[in-house]
Each structure stands twice: as C-alpha cells, then as structure tokens.
Amino acid sequence: MDVADLQNWTNTLKELESLGIKSDDLLRVGRKVSEEKKKAGLLSQQIAKGKENKVTTNKIRVFDHDPYCTIFQDGRNTKNKTWSVRIWDPKRKKPTTRSLRTIDQSTALTLARDIYMKFSTRGAIRLSTDSITTKELVALYIQNRRGEVSDNNQEGITPRSLNALEQRLKHWMDYIDEKGYGKAHIENIPPELGLKFAQWIKDRKITTGKRLGERKKRSNRTINQCVSATKGMYHQLALQEGHITANEMPKFTYLKKNKDQVSPKQILQKDELSLLMKWMKDKYARESADITNKEYIKRRIFNLTFTIHYLTGMRNGELLGTKWSDIRPARETSKGGQDNMVITIVGTEEKRGKTRSLVAPIKQQLERIKYWYGMLGHHVEPYSDEFVFLKLTTSGIENGDPQTQKVLGDRLKDVLKGATEDKYCPLNLTNKNIQLYSARHYYITDLLFKGVDFHTIAKQVGTGSTYIDEHYSHLVPEMKQEEICNAAKDQDNLIMKFRK
C-alpha cells in the first residue's frame, strides 16, 4: 500500500468514525464477508462435482443433447450405490424416476437409454411407481367406483351393482394369475391374452354358492357381462389415465347370446297360476295348526304380495321400494274399475332412472295388507312415506324397514315346493325355474295375449317396445292361433278335395 492509499484509508476511517462506525465493526463485517465467500467457493466446487444435495449425486446425462434424462446415485448413507434414471415428463410437468438396480455406470447408461426410448414411444406414460399390476388396477378401479356409490343408478353406481362388479372383475384377476402374469405390469401383458377370457369363464368351475364345483352352468349373457366389466375398467382407468396405450389394450371376444331370453320354463301358465294361487289361499295360509299366529299372518301378507306382483309386473326392486305415498286411486274409472290404482315409481327406484306410473286393480289387496299389519299391532298412515312391504320382524316393523328380495325368494321356493309335493294338488312345477322375476314375465305375456299393444306394455312396465318385441316375439303364433288355425283348416279342406 503506497502513501496515497494510506491517506485515503485514513480519511475513510475518520469519515466512518464521524458517522459512529468504529473499527471493530468493520472487522466483524469483513470477517462475515470472508466466511460467505468461502462457503460460496465450496458450494461451487460441490456443484461442479455433481454433489449439490445429499439425495441426487453424480448426475450424468444419458444423452449429451438432452438435459431431461439423467442417471444419478443416492447420496445418502446406503450400502449399495445403485443408479437410478430420472426423466422429465413435459406433459405432466413432473419427473419420473426408476431404480436401475445396478452399481455399474455403463450398465446404468444402457438401461436408461432403453427406458427413455420406451418412454418416448409410449407417449410419456408413467413407468416408475405408476406402473401397476392387474390386482392393483382392479383395486384402484373399485376404489374409484366406490366414490360414485348412489341410491340412484342414474347418478352413480348402486351398492348392489358395485358388489356385482367386484365379482365379475375377480374372474379377470384369477385368469391373469393362472396365465402367469399376476405380478406383471399391465403394459407387459400380451393384448391377445384376453381373446380366450370368455371361454375360460365358460369352462371354469363355479367357486361359490349352491352350485359349487359345477361346470358350464353360467349363461353366455352372464359371461359377456364379466367381459364388458373388464373391458370398461381398462378403458375408463388404464387407458384414460395413461397406464397403457391403445396398442397395449387387451383384446376381448364375446360369446354368442341366446336370442330366446325368456324361456317358457320361467313363466307360469295361466292354469298353473290359478292352481298355485288357490293352493296358497286354501292350504298354505290355512295350516294354522302347526304354525304360530305370527307365521300365519306372514303367509297371508306373502300371498297378497305375490298377487300384487303378478298384477303389476313391477321389477323386484320397484315392488319393494314402493311407498304408500306413491299409490293413489285412478282418476277416471269405468264401471267395475273402482279397484284400479295408480302406482308412481320414482326415478331412484326405476332401472332407467325415469319416473313412471302404472295402473293395476290392487285396491282390495292393499286394504288387506293394512288389515294384517293391524293384526301385528302396526297402523298404516294413509299416503305416508312408509314402505308398503315391510320386513316382518319386530325391529323391521318398528323401524319401517323394507322387505328383502332374499326373504321373498326363499318363501316363494317353499310355496312352490309345498304345492308340488302336495298329493292333493294337481300342480307339478319340478321342471319349472320360477323366481320372483317370473311375475314380470307372466304379466307381459298375459297383456300380449289380451291384445295390448307393445307400446302400451312398454310404458306400463318401464322398458322399450324393441325389448318387448325381441324377448316375447316367439309368442306371436300362439297369440294369433285362431287366425292361423282357421287358415290351416281351409287349406286342409283343399287338400281333402284334391285327394277325392
């Protein structure tokens, strides 16, 4: 330092002292600046060596021209310094990382290049922790659908439908496990594997229920529902959320459906229904010697429920979801139509989610139900929001719980068995597969034979005219038997004359 610099420094000190700044203060500031410079120098050295943080260390570009794909090692205290790849996803604006499971740098670079090429050609889908197995896909899909649960099937999925969906998707998980892809990521499963899925279900033994161990008892319609559920899962989740590409979607085939959806074995004939209802009235509900009074009342109510079901043709859920507030007398009734009632089926109980009204001559049956409820100590308030068909237990009546399909179905089986085994009843239903839903089939068939047009029937039962035509068209010859047989007789006369 020369004399001029020393003089300038002295003048600067005097000026600072005049401002109240002492020399000790200057020393402290200087030391602080010196320390910060040292830290900055050390940080620059660490950055140059690729050690800017403890987690990502030794970063190396996989391609010199591409800064978005690098390999790195974990800088934390781990035993094995394995390499990982990091790829920046510009579409989702976040990185994708994946362990390469090797400590060799050359091998890591080779693996990283292969992954990056797959990443680019597959449209930058998730390849790290987002790669999922079939089991994980099903679990994630069910979790998403569970958030859509609603009592109205038009606003979401009902709890019953969700349970059925889980059962259908279980077939796909079992199929994938059997084929050896249970632990494979879904993008690595051959798409053509799904082509034999439907036939695999067809040949599979039944694993639950009363038909345990049986083979080839599932209908093609049921099997196709399983295929549709699986296909929907891949479209709605795996494809839309980028777990797979369109080329990696499984391919499926459907089994041919039986066009005769409604078998005669599912429907009671008119004389059979008459015999059954007579037996229910005269025998089933009058065997009071061997049953309790409460059981006697339950049988009476079941008989009335059975009759109303066959007079309305409602779906099982619609019937049991009916409330007293949904029923009113018909506005205009012709002579003899005083028993006609209008039932409004609200959208939450209707399969299509559309509110509709139907008419049926059920006034007397409803009044008798009220009477038997009174015998159980329960009073029905007119036009209340209480269910018409209650669960006939003490708590069920007190809480106003609706009757269940299982209870009605089990009681129907007992009735059918009792009528068939009664030697005094000429009814034999051994080869009939009569269920609760058979009431709807009978109702539609009966209206067709009475000449009601398809459109009116469709409005009454809540379906489309096309459905009526497709499922019940086989009845047309029998419905037109008079015209057909008369025409045949005329032809027969011509044949006889020709022979003479």
Protein backbone atom coordinates (compact mmCIF):
# COMPACT_ATOMS: atom_id res chain seq x y z
CA MET A 1 0.00 0.00 0.00
CA ASP A 2 1.53 3.36 -1.06
CA VAL A 3 1.26 6.70 0.73
CA ALA A 4 -1.77 7.83 -1.32
CA ASP A 5 -3.74 4.68 -0.50
CA LEU A 6 -2.83 5.01 3.17
CA GLN A 7 -4.01 8.61 3.19
CA ASN A 8 -7.32 7.59 1.53
CA TRP A 9 -7.82 4.76 4.07
CA THR A 10 -7.17 7.21 6.94
CA ASN A 11 -9.68 9.68 5.56
CA THR A 12 -12.25 6.87 5.15
CA LEU A 13 -11.80 5.81 8.78
CA LYS A 14 -12.24 9.34 10.01
CA GLU A 15 -15.41 9.70 7.94
CA LEU A 16 -16.80 6.42 9.31
CA GLU A 17 -15.96 7.45 12.88
CA SER A 18 -17.84 10.71 12.31
CA LEU A 19 -20.85 8.54 11.37
CA GLY A 20 -20.49 6.47 14.56
CA ILE A 21 -18.92 3.38 12.94
CA LYS A 22 -15.92 2.00 14.82
CA SER A 23 -13.02 -0.05 13.51
CA ASP A 24 -14.23 -3.16 15.41
CA ASP A 25 -17.46 -3.02 13.44
CA LEU A 26 -15.53 -3.01 10.22
CA LEU A 27 -13.53 -6.06 11.29
CA ARG A 28 -16.67 -8.02 12.08
CA VAL A 29 -18.22 -7.17 8.70
CA GLY A 30 -15.05 -8.15 6.94
CA ARG A 31 -14.85 -11.50 8.67
CA LYS A 32 -18.52 -12.19 7.74
CA VAL A 33 -17.90 -11.37 4.08
CA SER A 34 -14.84 -13.61 4.07
CA GLU A 35 -16.82 -16.53 5.50
CA GLU A 36 -19.58 -16.15 2.92
CA LYS A 37 -17.01 -16.14 0.13
CA LYS A 38 -15.52 -19.38 1.45
CA LYS A 39 -18.98 -21.03 1.57
CA ALA A 40 -19.73 -19.88 -1.95
CA GLY A 41 -16.45 -21.32 -3.15
CA LEU A 42 -17.14 -24.70 -1.51
CA LEU A 43 -20.67 -24.78 -2.98
CA SER A 44 -19.29 -24.05 -6.45
CA GLN A 45 -16.90 -26.97 -6.09
CA GLN A 46 -19.72 -29.29 -4.98
CA ILE A 47 -21.93 -28.26 -7.88
CA ALA A 48 -19.07 -28.86 -10.29
CA LYS A 49 -18.69 -32.39 -8.89
CA GLY A 50 -22.47 -33.11 -9.07
CA LYS A 51 -22.97 -33.04 -5.31
CA GLU A 52 -25.46 -30.21 -4.99
CA ASN A 53 -27.60 -32.22 -2.50
CA LYS A 54 -27.37 -35.38 -0.46
CA VAL A 55 -30.08 -37.35 -2.35
CA THR A 56 -29.19 -36.81 -6.00
CA THR A 57 -25.46 -37.20 -6.55
CA ASN A 58 -23.19 -37.90 -9.50
CA LYS A 59 -25.75 -36.80 -12.06
CA ILE A 60 -24.84 -37.81 -15.64
CA ARG A 61 -26.73 -37.05 -18.81
CA VAL A 62 -27.85 -40.14 -20.67
CA PHE A 63 -27.74 -38.22 -23.96
CA ASP A 64 -25.43 -35.23 -24.33
CA HIS A 65 -28.08 -33.27 -26.24
CA ASP A 66 -30.97 -33.98 -23.83
CA PRO A 67 -30.94 -32.43 -20.34
CA TYR A 68 -34.27 -34.12 -19.41
CA CYS A 69 -32.87 -37.63 -18.99
CA THR A 70 -30.16 -38.29 -16.41
CA ILE A 71 -28.87 -41.07 -14.20
CA PHE A 72 -27.85 -40.45 -10.61
CA GLN A 73 -26.90 -42.14 -7.35
CA ASP A 74 -28.47 -41.75 -3.94
CA GLY A 75 -26.14 -39.59 -1.85
CA ARG A 76 -27.49 -40.78 1.48
CA ASN A 77 -25.65 -43.37 3.53
CA THR A 78 -26.68 -46.56 1.75
CA LYS A 79 -24.71 -49.75 1.43
CA ASN A 80 -25.12 -50.13 -2.33
CA LYS A 81 -24.68 -47.07 -4.51
CA THR A 82 -27.15 -48.18 -7.17
CA TRP A 83 -28.00 -45.98 -10.13
CA SER A 84 -31.44 -44.58 -10.94
CA VAL A 85 -32.86 -42.85 -14.00
CA ARG A 86 -34.76 -39.56 -13.95
CA ILE A 87 -36.88 -38.48 -16.93
CA TRP A 88 -38.72 -35.17 -17.07
CA ASP A 89 -42.29 -35.55 -18.32
CA PRO A 90 -43.24 -32.29 -20.12
CA LYS A 91 -46.91 -33.32 -20.44
CA ARG A 92 -47.45 -33.81 -16.72
CA LYS A 93 -44.72 -31.33 -15.76
CA LYS A 94 -43.10 -33.61 -13.22
CA PRO A 95 -40.22 -36.08 -13.23
CA THR A 96 -40.44 -39.84 -13.48
CA THR A 97 -37.81 -41.86 -11.63
CA ARG A 98 -36.97 -45.53 -11.64
CA SER A 99 -34.28 -47.58 -9.98
CA LEU A 100 -31.90 -49.33 -12.40
CA ARG A 101 -30.70 -51.81 -9.74
CA THR A 102 -27.07 -51.75 -10.80
CA ILE A 103 -23.93 -50.16 -9.44
CA ASP A 104 -22.13 -50.24 -12.79
CA GLN A 105 -22.25 -46.89 -14.59
CA SER A 106 -22.03 -48.33 -18.12
CA THR A 107 -24.84 -50.79 -17.48
CA ALA A 108 -26.90 -47.98 -15.95
CA LEU A 109 -26.49 -45.83 -19.05
CA THR A 110 -27.56 -48.69 -21.32
CA LEU A 111 -30.65 -49.45 -19.25
CA ALA A 112 -31.54 -45.76 -19.02
CA ARG A 113 -31.36 -45.33 -22.80
CA ASP A 114 -33.70 -48.32 -23.28
CA ILE A 115 -36.19 -46.95 -20.75
CA TYR A 116 -36.09 -43.50 -22.29
CA MET A 117 -36.86 -44.90 -25.76
CA LYS A 118 -39.85 -46.82 -24.38
CA PHE A 119 -40.91 -43.72 -22.52
CA SER A 120 -40.87 -41.64 -25.67
CA THR A 121 -42.54 -44.14 -28.00
CA ARG A 122 -45.31 -44.95 -25.49
CA GLY A 123 -46.32 -41.33 -25.25
CA ALA A 124 -44.56 -40.48 -21.99
CA ILE A 125 -46.70 -42.69 -19.77
CA ARG A 126 -45.86 -43.46 -16.17
CA LEU A 127 -43.09 -46.04 -15.95
CA SER A 128 -41.97 -45.86 -12.34
CA THR A 129 -44.16 -46.17 -9.29
CA ASP A 130 -47.20 -45.65 -11.59
CA SER A 131 -46.65 -48.97 -13.36
CA ILE A 132 -49.25 -51.24 -11.80
CA THR A 133 -50.23 -54.89 -11.81
CA THR A 134 -53.66 -56.30 -12.66
CA LYS A 135 -54.51 -56.67 -8.97
CA GLU A 136 -53.55 -53.05 -8.32
CA LEU A 137 -55.56 -51.92 -11.33
CA VAL A 138 -58.70 -53.68 -10.09
CA ALA A 139 -58.24 -52.30 -6.57
CA LEU A 140 -57.80 -48.76 -7.89
CA TYR A 141 -60.82 -49.07 -10.19
CA ILE A 142 -63.08 -50.39 -7.41
CA GLN A 143 -61.88 -47.59 -5.14
CA ASN A 144 -62.80 -45.01 -7.78
CA ARG A 145 -66.23 -46.55 -8.39
CA ARG A 146 -66.88 -46.77 -4.64
CA GLY A 147 -66.72 -42.97 -4.60
CA GLU A 148 -69.62 -42.95 -7.10
CA VAL A 149 -71.99 -45.07 -4.98
CA SER A 150 -75.52 -43.68 -5.04
CA ASP A 151 -79.02 -44.99 -4.43
CA ASN A 152 -79.97 -43.60 -7.84
CA ASN A 153 -78.32 -45.67 -10.56
CA GLN A 154 -78.51 -42.71 -12.94
CA GLU A 155 -76.30 -40.62 -10.65
CA GLY A 156 -73.71 -43.30 -9.92
CA ILE A 157 -73.46 -46.98 -9.11
CA THR A 158 -75.67 -48.71 -6.58
CA PRO A 159 -74.08 -50.75 -3.76
CA ARG A 160 -75.54 -53.91 -5.26
CA SER A 161 -74.10 -53.16 -8.70
CA LEU A 162 -70.71 -52.38 -7.14
CA ASN A 163 -70.69 -55.77 -5.44
CA ALA A 164 -71.57 -57.46 -8.74
CA LEU A 165 -68.76 -55.52 -10.46
CA GLU A 166 -66.21 -56.78 -7.93
CA GLN A 167 -67.33 -60.38 -8.51
CA ARG A 168 -67.02 -60.00 -12.29
CA LEU A 169 -63.53 -58.47 -12.12
CA LYS A 170 -62.36 -61.26 -9.84
CA HIS A 171 -62.64 -63.61 -12.83
CA TRP A 172 -60.11 -61.45 -14.70
CA MET A 173 -57.64 -61.45 -11.79
CA ASP A 174 -57.90 -65.25 -11.48
CA TYR A 175 -57.43 -65.62 -15.22
CA ILE A 176 -54.31 -63.44 -15.26
CA ASP A 177 -52.86 -65.33 -12.27
CA GLU A 178 -53.48 -68.68 -13.96
CA LYS A 179 -51.73 -67.48 -17.12
CA GLY A 180 -48.66 -66.48 -15.11
CA TYR A 181 -48.98 -62.68 -15.36
CA GLY A 182 -50.17 -61.99 -11.82
CA LYS A 183 -47.06 -59.97 -10.92
CA ALA A 184 -46.51 -58.43 -14.36
CA HIS A 185 -47.23 -54.77 -15.04
CA ILE A 186 -50.32 -54.35 -17.17
CA GLU A 187 -48.35 -52.80 -20.03
CA ASN A 188 -46.30 -56.00 -20.27
CA ILE A 189 -49.30 -58.36 -20.58
CA PRO A 190 -49.87 -59.55 -24.19
CA PRO A 191 -53.08 -57.92 -25.52
CA GLU A 192 -54.18 -61.13 -27.25
CA LEU A 193 -54.37 -62.88 -23.87
CA GLY A 194 -57.91 -61.54 -23.42
CA LEU A 195 -59.25 -63.31 -26.52
CA LYS A 196 -59.81 -66.58 -24.64
CA PHE A 197 -61.07 -64.97 -21.43
CA ALA A 198 -64.79 -65.53 -22.14
CA GLN A 199 -64.32 -69.20 -23.00
CA TRP A 200 -62.14 -69.64 -19.90
CA ILE A 201 -65.03 -68.47 -17.72
CA LYS A 202 -67.38 -70.79 -19.63
CA ASP A 203 -65.20 -73.81 -18.83
CA ARG A 204 -64.42 -72.78 -15.27
CA LYS A 205 -65.96 -74.47 -12.27
CA ILE A 206 -68.29 -72.38 -10.15
CA THR A 207 -66.38 -71.43 -7.00
CA THR A 208 -69.17 -70.12 -4.75
CA GLY A 209 -72.80 -70.70 -3.83
CA LYS A 210 -75.01 -73.76 -4.01
CA ARG A 211 -73.67 -74.75 -7.43
CA LEU A 212 -70.08 -75.01 -6.14
CA GLY A 213 -67.90 -77.15 -8.40
CA GLU A 214 -70.33 -77.26 -11.33
CA ARG A 215 -69.14 -76.53 -14.85
CA LYS A 216 -70.76 -74.82 -17.84
CA LYS A 217 -73.74 -73.53 -15.89
CA ARG A 218 -73.12 -69.86 -16.49
CA SER A 219 -75.13 -68.29 -19.28
CA ASN A 220 -73.33 -66.58 -22.14
CA ARG A 221 -75.06 -63.37 -21.13
CA THR A 222 -73.52 -63.54 -17.64
CA ILE A 223 -70.09 -64.29 -19.09
CA ASN A 224 -70.34 -61.36 -21.51
CA GLN A 225 -71.15 -59.09 -18.56
CA CYS A 226 -67.82 -60.12 -16.99
CA VAL A 227 -66.02 -59.33 -20.24
CA SER A 228 -67.75 -55.94 -20.53
CA ALA A 229 -66.86 -55.05 -16.94
CA THR A 230 -63.19 -55.87 -17.56
CA LYS A 231 -63.10 -54.00 -20.85
CA GLY A 232 -64.72 -50.98 -19.22
CA MET A 233 -62.11 -50.95 -16.46
CA TYR A 234 -59.26 -50.77 -18.98
CA HIS A 235 -60.95 -48.01 -21.00
CA GLN A 236 -62.04 -45.87 -18.05
CA LEU A 237 -58.90 -46.18 -15.93
CA ALA A 238 -55.88 -47.84 -17.52
CA LEU A 239 -56.15 -46.09 -20.88
CA GLN A 240 -57.54 -42.71 -19.81
CA GLU A 241 -55.02 -42.24 -17.00
CA GLY A 242 -52.07 -43.25 -19.17
CA HIS A 243 -51.09 -46.58 -17.60
CA ILE A 244 -51.23 -48.20 -21.05
CA THR A 245 -51.51 -47.11 -24.67
CA ALA A 246 -54.23 -48.11 -27.12
CA ASN A 247 -51.91 -50.75 -28.62
CA GLU A 248 -51.48 -52.33 -25.18
CA MET A 249 -55.22 -52.63 -24.51
CA PRO A 250 -56.31 -56.27 -24.05
CA LYS A 251 -58.42 -57.67 -26.87
CA PHE A 252 -61.66 -59.41 -25.95
CA THR A 253 -64.25 -61.57 -27.68
CA TYR A 254 -67.86 -62.15 -26.66
CA LEU A 255 -69.84 -65.38 -26.64
CA LYS A 256 -72.97 -65.68 -28.74
CA LYS A 257 -76.09 -64.83 -26.77
CA ASN A 258 -79.21 -66.93 -26.78
CA LYS A 259 -81.86 -64.91 -28.58
CA ASP A 260 -84.63 -66.63 -26.64
CA GLN A 261 -84.12 -64.58 -23.49
CA VAL A 262 -87.41 -65.61 -21.86
CA SER A 263 -87.86 -69.36 -21.63
CA PRO A 264 -91.32 -70.93 -21.14
CA LYS A 265 -89.79 -72.60 -18.08
CA GLN A 266 -89.53 -69.18 -16.45
CA ILE A 267 -93.24 -68.43 -16.78
CA LEU A 268 -96.25 -69.98 -15.12
CA GLN A 269 -99.08 -70.87 -17.47
CA LYS A 270 -102.46 -69.34 -16.69
CA ASP A 271 -103.92 -72.59 -15.34
CA GLU A 272 -100.76 -73.18 -13.30
CA LEU A 273 -101.01 -69.73 -11.72
CA SER A 274 -104.68 -70.31 -10.90
CA LEU A 275 -103.90 -73.65 -9.22
CA LEU A 276 -100.97 -72.18 -7.31
CA MET A 277 -102.92 -69.18 -6.01
CA LYS A 278 -105.80 -71.46 -4.98
CA TRP A 279 -103.39 -73.71 -3.07
CA MET A 280 -101.77 -70.69 -1.40
CA LYS A 281 -105.17 -69.41 -0.32
CA ASP A 282 -106.78 -72.69 0.78
CA LYS A 283 -103.81 -74.68 2.05
CA TYR A 284 -100.65 -72.66 2.61
CA ALA A 285 -102.29 -69.84 4.57
CA ARG A 286 -104.69 -72.11 6.48
CA GLU A 287 -102.26 -74.60 8.01
CA SER A 288 -102.51 -72.69 11.25
CA ALA A 289 -102.45 -75.78 13.44
CA ASP A 290 -98.71 -76.29 13.01
CA ILE A 291 -97.62 -72.66 12.81
CA THR A 292 -97.66 -69.65 15.12
CA ASN A 293 -100.13 -66.83 14.70
CA LYS A 294 -97.35 -64.52 13.50
CA GLU A 295 -96.29 -67.04 10.87
CA TYR A 296 -99.92 -67.32 9.76
CA ILE A 297 -100.07 -63.53 9.28
CA LYS A 298 -96.74 -63.57 7.40
CA ARG A 299 -98.17 -66.15 4.99
CA ARG A 300 -101.26 -64.05 4.43
CA ILE A 301 -99.17 -60.99 3.65
CA PHE A 302 -96.95 -63.01 1.32
CA ASN A 303 -99.97 -64.25 -0.61
CA LEU A 304 -101.11 -60.66 -1.08
CA THR A 305 -97.59 -59.55 -2.08
CA PHE A 306 -97.42 -62.39 -4.61
CA THR A 307 -100.78 -61.37 -6.09
CA ILE A 308 -99.83 -57.68 -6.35
CA HIS A 309 -96.57 -58.63 -8.05
CA TYR A 310 -98.41 -60.61 -10.72
CA LEU A 311 -100.99 -57.83 -11.19
CA THR A 312 -98.40 -55.09 -11.69
CA GLY A 313 -95.40 -56.75 -13.38
CA MET A 314 -93.02 -54.48 -11.49
CA ARG A 315 -89.36 -55.29 -11.15
CA ASN A 316 -88.43 -56.77 -7.77
CA GLY A 317 -86.66 -53.63 -6.59
CA GLU A 318 -89.52 -51.42 -7.76
CA LEU A 319 -92.06 -53.53 -5.88
CA LEU A 320 -90.16 -53.49 -2.60
CA GLY A 321 -89.33 -49.80 -2.95
CA THR A 322 -92.99 -48.76 -3.26
CA LYS A 323 -94.32 -46.45 -0.54
CA TRP A 324 -97.91 -45.66 0.42
CA SER A 325 -97.37 -42.10 -0.81
CA ASP A 326 -96.65 -43.50 -4.29
CA ILE A 327 -100.15 -45.01 -4.61
CA ARG A 328 -103.40 -43.22 -5.43
CA PRO A 329 -106.79 -44.15 -6.97
CA ALA A 330 -107.12 -43.83 -10.72
CA ARG A 331 -108.70 -40.51 -11.72
CA GLU A 332 -111.26 -41.89 -14.16
CA THR A 333 -112.57 -45.38 -13.69
CA SER A 334 -115.08 -47.20 -15.83
CA LYS A 335 -117.76 -49.38 -14.33
CA GLY A 336 -116.10 -52.17 -12.40
CA GLY A 337 -112.79 -50.29 -12.27
CA GLN A 338 -113.12 -48.95 -8.75
CA ASP A 339 -110.20 -51.12 -7.65
CA ASN A 340 -107.81 -49.55 -10.16
CA MET A 341 -104.87 -47.82 -8.50
CA VAL A 342 -102.04 -45.74 -9.93
CA ILE A 343 -98.52 -46.50 -8.67
CA THR A 344 -95.82 -43.91 -9.28
CA ILE A 345 -92.37 -45.43 -9.48
CA VAL A 346 -89.82 -42.72 -8.74
CA GLY A 347 -86.60 -42.48 -10.71
CA THR A 348 -84.42 -43.62 -7.81
CA GLU A 349 -86.21 -47.00 -7.83
CA GLU A 350 -86.64 -47.27 -11.61
CA LYS A 351 -83.97 -49.14 -13.56
CA ARG A 352 -83.69 -46.45 -16.24
CA GLY A 353 -83.87 -43.63 -13.69
CA LYS A 354 -87.12 -42.29 -15.21
CA THR A 355 -90.19 -41.74 -13.09
CA ARG A 356 -93.23 -43.55 -14.49
CA SER A 357 -96.75 -44.50 -13.47
CA LEU A 358 -98.60 -47.79 -13.91
CA VAL A 359 -102.17 -48.85 -13.23
CA ALA A 360 -103.35 -52.07 -11.62
CA PRO A 361 -106.54 -53.39 -9.92
CA ILE A 362 -104.96 -53.86 -6.49
CA LYS A 363 -107.09 -51.78 -4.12
CA GLN A 364 -108.51 -54.78 -2.25
CA GLN A 365 -105.08 -56.39 -1.82
CA LEU A 366 -103.65 -53.18 -0.38
CA GLU A 367 -106.53 -52.86 2.08
CA ARG A 368 -106.00 -56.45 3.24
CA ILE A 369 -102.29 -55.77 3.78
CA LYS A 370 -103.22 -52.86 6.03
CA TYR A 371 -105.57 -55.16 7.92
CA TRP A 372 -102.89 -57.79 8.58
CA TYR A 373 -100.40 -55.12 9.62
CA GLY A 374 -103.01 -54.07 12.17
CA MET A 375 -103.12 -57.64 13.46
CA LEU A 376 -99.39 -57.26 14.13
CA GLY A 377 -100.06 -54.04 16.06
CA HIS A 378 -98.92 -51.71 13.30
CA HIS A 379 -101.12 -48.91 11.96
CA VAL A 380 -100.56 -47.64 8.42
CA GLU A 381 -100.93 -43.90 7.93
CA PRO A 382 -102.62 -43.05 4.59
CA TYR A 383 -100.24 -41.66 1.94
CA SER A 384 -97.27 -41.89 4.31
CA ASP A 385 -93.64 -42.34 3.24
CA GLU A 386 -93.62 -45.79 4.79
CA PHE A 387 -92.81 -48.80 2.61
CA VAL A 388 -95.80 -50.92 1.59
CA PHE A 389 -93.96 -54.21 2.02
CA LEU A 390 -92.22 -54.23 5.38
CA LYS A 391 -89.70 -56.62 6.85
CA LEU A 392 -91.94 -58.68 9.11
CA THR A 393 -89.73 -58.76 12.18
CA THR A 394 -90.32 -56.80 15.36
CA SER A 395 -87.48 -54.38 14.68
CA GLY A 396 -88.25 -54.27 10.95
CA ILE A 397 -91.83 -53.13 11.57
CA GLU A 398 -90.79 -50.64 14.23
CA ASN A 399 -88.09 -49.10 12.02
CA GLY A 400 -90.12 -49.27 8.82
CA ASP A 401 -87.50 -51.37 7.01
CA PRO A 402 -88.48 -52.65 3.54
CA GLN A 403 -88.77 -56.36 2.88
CA THR A 404 -85.78 -58.00 1.15
CA GLN A 405 -85.73 -59.96 -2.09
CA LYS A 406 -83.98 -62.86 -0.39
CA VAL A 407 -86.75 -63.35 2.17
CA LEU A 408 -89.43 -63.22 -0.52
CA GLY A 409 -87.43 -65.51 -2.78
CA ASP A 410 -86.90 -68.11 -0.05
CA ARG A 411 -90.60 -68.07 0.83
CA LEU A 412 -91.55 -68.45 -2.85
CA LYS A 413 -89.34 -71.55 -3.05
CA ASP A 414 -91.12 -73.03 -0.03
CA VAL A 415 -94.51 -72.34 -1.64
CA LEU A 416 -93.54 -73.91 -4.97
CA LYS A 417 -92.09 -76.94 -3.22
CA GLY A 418 -95.14 -77.35 -0.97
CA ALA A 419 -97.59 -77.14 -3.86
CA THR A 420 -95.61 -79.64 -5.95
CA GLU A 421 -95.26 -82.15 -3.10
CA ASP A 422 -98.91 -81.91 -2.04
CA LYS A 423 -100.56 -85.05 -3.38
CA TYR A 424 -103.94 -83.34 -3.39
CA CYS A 425 -102.67 -80.51 -5.61
CA PRO A 426 -102.51 -81.37 -9.34
CA LEU A 427 -99.69 -78.90 -9.82
CA ASN A 428 -96.22 -80.14 -10.76
CA LEU A 429 -93.54 -77.43 -11.01
CA THR A 430 -90.49 -79.73 -10.84
CA ASN A 431 -89.17 -78.67 -14.24
CA LYS A 432 -90.07 -75.01 -13.82
CA ASN A 433 -87.50 -72.37 -12.86
CA ILE A 434 -89.94 -69.95 -11.26
CA GLN A 435 -88.42 -66.97 -9.47
CA LEU A 436 -89.65 -63.60 -8.23
CA TYR A 437 -88.87 -62.05 -11.62
CA SER A 438 -91.17 -64.58 -13.29
CA ALA A 439 -94.09 -62.38 -12.22
CA ARG A 440 -92.88 -59.71 -14.65
CA HIS A 441 -92.59 -62.24 -17.50
CA TYR A 442 -96.07 -63.56 -16.79
CA TYR A 443 -97.53 -60.05 -16.66
CA ILE A 444 -96.08 -59.02 -20.03
CA THR A 445 -97.13 -62.33 -21.62
CA ASP A 446 -100.65 -62.01 -20.26
CA LEU A 447 -101.04 -58.48 -21.63
CA LEU A 448 -99.81 -59.62 -25.04
CA PHE A 449 -102.38 -62.41 -25.17
CA LYS A 450 -105.09 -59.92 -24.23
CA GLY A 451 -104.20 -57.82 -27.25
CA VAL A 452 -102.48 -54.88 -25.55
CA ASP A 453 -100.07 -53.22 -27.98
CA PHE A 454 -96.30 -53.29 -27.47
CA HIS A 455 -96.04 -49.54 -26.89
CA THR A 456 -98.59 -49.51 -24.06
CA ILE A 457 -96.98 -52.53 -22.40
CA ALA A 458 -93.56 -50.91 -22.64
CA LYS A 459 -94.84 -47.75 -20.93
CA GLN A 460 -96.53 -49.81 -18.22
CA VAL A 461 -93.52 -51.95 -17.31
CA GLY A 462 -90.83 -49.34 -17.96
CA THR A 463 -88.92 -50.71 -20.93
CA GLY A 464 -88.71 -50.21 -24.70
CA SER A 465 -91.01 -51.57 -27.39
CA THR A 466 -87.99 -53.14 -29.07
CA TYR A 467 -87.23 -55.10 -25.90
CA ILE A 468 -90.81 -56.47 -25.84
CA ASP A 469 -90.54 -57.45 -29.49
CA GLU A 470 -87.15 -59.15 -29.14
CA HIS A 471 -87.93 -61.11 -25.97
CA TYR A 472 -91.57 -62.07 -26.48
CA SER A 473 -91.97 -62.30 -30.27
CA HIS A 474 -91.96 -66.11 -30.04
CA LEU A 475 -95.44 -65.83 -28.51
CA VAL A 476 -96.97 -64.27 -31.62
CA PRO A 477 -98.00 -67.57 -33.28
CA GLU A 478 -99.81 -68.66 -30.13
CA MET A 479 -101.41 -65.22 -29.77
CA LYS A 480 -102.67 -65.47 -33.36
CA GLN A 481 -103.66 -69.11 -33.07
CA GLU A 482 -107.27 -68.54 -34.12
CA GLU A 483 -106.34 -66.87 -37.39
CA ILE A 484 -103.53 -69.36 -38.09
CA CYS A 485 -105.61 -72.45 -37.28
CA ASN A 486 -108.60 -71.23 -39.28
CA ALA A 487 -106.34 -70.68 -42.26
CA ALA A 488 -104.88 -74.15 -41.79
CA LYS A 489 -108.37 -75.70 -41.73
CA ASP A 490 -109.22 -74.03 -45.03
CA GLN A 491 -106.02 -75.45 -46.51
CA ASP A 492 -106.88 -78.89 -45.15
CA ASN A 493 -110.25 -78.80 -46.94
CA LEU A 494 -108.48 -78.03 -50.19
CA ILE A 495 -106.13 -80.95 -49.69
CA MET A 496 -109.02 -83.35 -48.98
CA LYS A 497 -110.87 -82.19 -52.09
CA PHE A 498 -107.73 -82.70 -54.16
CA ARG A 499 -107.42 -86.29 -52.90
CA LYS A 500 -111.00 -87.05 -53.90
